[in-house]
């Protein structure tokens, strides 16, 4: 049985943690934990703890997206740098602009998997991003808990 210290005090008497997930944000620069109990989800990001009762989840969706603004900005920097190079200016900052444009463009092409939870009474959907295998397992758990309510 999993008994995480950070949420131990929030568990009810008959509540147990069934699964622990360590998910990562975009580009794996930051991570957070999600615990699935027999009654609810706990989402821990830094010092913030959020719990979502399965009965309050209105819908759940697995998605994948890119970063269109990064692609556009990277492409604009890349094209601007190349145009300036063709005009004959080869200063260091032009090469930096080309390199920066290429890096931002490539990072914008990286697809991110995420799960979107729509929670009753909450204006914004909860977005959990991470690797597909972890999100698939979390999706199955939420679906099973939701189906047990029906």
Protein backbone atom coordinates (compact mmCIF):
# COMPACT_ATOMS: atom_id res chain seq x y z
CA UNK A 1 0.00 0.00 0.00
CA UNK A 2 1.29 3.45 -0.94
CA UNK A 3 1.22 6.01 1.87
CA UNK A 4 2.69 9.32 0.68
CA UNK A 5 3.62 11.69 3.51
CA UNK A 6 2.48 14.82 1.66
CA UNK A 7 -1.19 13.75 1.57
CA UNK A 8 -1.43 11.32 4.47
CA UNK A 9 -3.23 13.88 6.65
CA UNK A 10 -5.88 14.51 3.94
CA UNK A 11 -6.97 10.90 3.55
CA UNK A 12 -10.23 9.79 5.11
CA UNK A 13 -10.32 6.80 7.43
CA UNK A 14 -11.28 4.24 4.75
CA UNK A 15 -9.36 5.87 1.89
CA UNK A 16 -6.30 4.23 0.36
CA UNK A 17 -3.91 5.28 -2.37
CA UNK A 18 -4.10 2.78 -5.21
CA UNK A 19 -1.64 4.25 -7.68
CA UNK A 20 1.04 6.94 -7.86
CA UNK A 21 1.99 8.81 -11.04
CA UNK A 22 4.95 11.09 -11.63
CA UNK A 23 4.05 13.26 -14.60
CA UNK A 24 6.18 15.80 -16.40
CA UNK A 25 5.33 19.17 -17.89
CA UNK A 26 6.20 20.35 -21.41
CA UNK A 27 9.74 19.34 -22.47
CA UNK A 28 10.12 17.39 -19.18
CA UNK A 29 11.47 20.50 -17.40
CA UNK A 30 9.15 20.19 -14.42
CA UNK A 31 7.39 17.32 -12.77
CA UNK A 32 4.49 16.75 -10.42
CA UNK A 33 2.73 13.89 -8.70
CA UNK A 34 -0.77 12.53 -9.06
CA UNK A 35 -2.12 10.02 -6.57
CA UNK A 36 -5.25 8.00 -7.33
CA UNK A 37 -7.10 6.86 -4.24
CA UNK A 38 -10.22 4.74 -4.09
CA UNK A 39 -12.24 8.01 -3.76
CA UNK A 40 -10.38 10.85 -5.53
CA UNK A 41 -7.33 12.18 -7.29
CA UNK A 42 -4.65 14.22 -5.54
CA UNK A 43 -2.55 16.51 -7.75
CA UNK A 44 0.61 17.87 -6.16
CA UNK A 45 2.54 20.63 -7.92
CA UNK A 46 5.24 22.11 -5.70
CA UNK A 47 3.55 23.20 -2.47
CA UNK A 48 0.07 23.08 -4.00
CA UNK A 49 -2.25 20.13 -3.30
CA UNK A 50 -5.52 19.76 -5.17
CA UNK A 51 -7.99 16.94 -4.73
CA UNK A 52 -10.71 16.03 -7.20
CA UNK A 53 -13.48 13.64 -6.23
CA UNK A 54 -14.22 11.16 -9.04
CA UNK A 55 -17.91 12.03 -8.83
CA UNK A 56 -17.09 15.67 -9.69
CA UNK A 57 -15.31 14.80 -12.94
CA UNK A 58 -17.73 15.67 -15.73
CA UNK A 59 -15.52 14.52 -18.63
CA UNK A 60 -12.04 13.33 -19.39
CA UNK A 61 -10.08 13.62 -22.63
CA UNK A 62 -6.66 12.48 -23.85
CA UNK A 63 -5.09 14.84 -26.36
CA UNK A 64 -1.85 15.65 -28.11
CA UNK A 65 -0.80 19.07 -29.28
CA UNK A 66 2.12 21.05 -30.60
CA UNK A 67 3.12 24.62 -29.88
CA UNK A 68 2.06 26.68 -32.89
CA UNK A 69 3.22 30.08 -31.49
CA UNK A 70 6.73 28.70 -30.96
CA UNK A 71 6.77 27.29 -34.50
CA UNK A 72 5.70 30.64 -35.96
CA UNK A 73 8.10 32.75 -33.87
CA UNK A 74 10.97 30.35 -34.54
CA UNK A 75 10.27 30.39 -38.26
CA UNK A 76 10.07 34.21 -38.30
CA UNK A 77 13.45 34.53 -36.51
CA UNK A 78 14.99 31.94 -38.79
CA UNK A 79 13.74 33.61 -41.99
CA UNK A 80 14.72 37.09 -40.75
CA UNK A 81 18.22 35.89 -39.90
CA UNK A 82 18.68 34.17 -43.25
CA UNK A 83 17.46 37.27 -45.14
CA UNK A 84 19.95 39.46 -43.23
CA UNK A 85 22.72 36.94 -43.98
CA UNK A 86 21.89 37.09 -47.69
CA UNK A 87 22.11 40.88 -47.51
CA UNK A 88 25.73 40.43 -46.46
CA UNK A 89 25.62 41.17 -42.75
CA UNK A 90 27.41 38.38 -40.90
CA UNK A 91 27.62 39.82 -37.39
CA UNK A 92 27.48 37.44 -34.43
CA UNK A 93 23.95 38.51 -33.51
CA UNK A 94 22.64 37.46 -36.94
CA UNK A 95 24.01 33.96 -36.43
CA UNK A 96 22.51 33.98 -32.91
CA UNK A 97 19.14 34.97 -34.39
CA UNK A 98 19.33 32.09 -36.90
CA UNK A 99 20.32 29.63 -34.16
CA UNK A 100 17.63 30.85 -31.79
CA UNK A 101 15.00 30.71 -34.54
CA UNK A 102 15.99 27.14 -35.42
CA UNK A 103 15.95 26.01 -31.76
CA UNK A 104 12.54 27.59 -31.03
CA UNK A 105 11.12 26.17 -34.28
CA UNK A 106 12.28 22.63 -33.44
CA UNK A 107 11.00 22.84 -29.84
CA UNK A 108 7.64 24.04 -31.16
CA UNK A 109 7.34 20.89 -33.28
CA UNK A 110 7.61 18.60 -30.25
CA UNK A 111 4.17 17.18 -29.51
CA UNK A 112 2.89 17.07 -25.93
CA UNK A 113 0.43 14.52 -24.60
CA UNK A 114 -2.01 15.66 -21.97
CA UNK A 115 -5.22 14.72 -20.23
CA UNK A 116 -7.96 17.26 -19.73
CA UNK A 117 -10.31 16.80 -16.78
CA UNK A 118 -13.47 18.88 -16.74
CA UNK A 119 -14.53 19.21 -13.11
CA UNK A 120 -18.04 20.25 -12.11
CA UNK A 121 -18.10 23.71 -10.53
CA UNK A 122 -14.61 24.63 -11.75
CA UNK A 123 -14.31 27.14 -14.60
CA UNK A 124 -11.04 25.88 -16.11
CA UNK A 125 -10.35 22.27 -17.00
CA UNK A 126 -7.49 20.56 -15.17
CA UNK A 127 -4.67 19.83 -17.63
CA UNK A 128 -2.27 17.00 -16.78
CA UNK A 129 0.63 16.53 -19.17
CA UNK A 130 3.08 13.68 -19.30
CA UNK A 131 4.12 10.55 -21.13
CA UNK A 132 1.36 8.66 -22.89
CA UNK A 133 1.80 5.43 -20.90
CA UNK A 134 1.24 7.18 -17.55
CA UNK A 135 -1.68 9.20 -18.89
CA UNK A 136 -3.30 6.07 -20.34
CA UNK A 137 -3.09 4.32 -16.96
CA UNK A 138 -4.51 7.36 -15.17
CA UNK A 139 -7.28 7.63 -17.78
CA UNK A 140 -8.25 3.97 -17.17
CA UNK A 141 -8.37 4.47 -13.39
CA UNK A 142 -10.60 7.54 -13.66
CA UNK A 143 -12.89 5.77 -16.16
CA UNK A 144 -13.17 2.71 -13.88
CA UNK A 145 -14.01 4.85 -10.86
CA UNK A 146 -16.57 6.84 -12.87
CA UNK A 147 -18.21 3.65 -14.17
CA UNK A 148 -18.52 2.28 -10.61
CA UNK A 149 -20.65 5.34 -9.72
CA UNK A 150 -23.18 4.63 -12.47
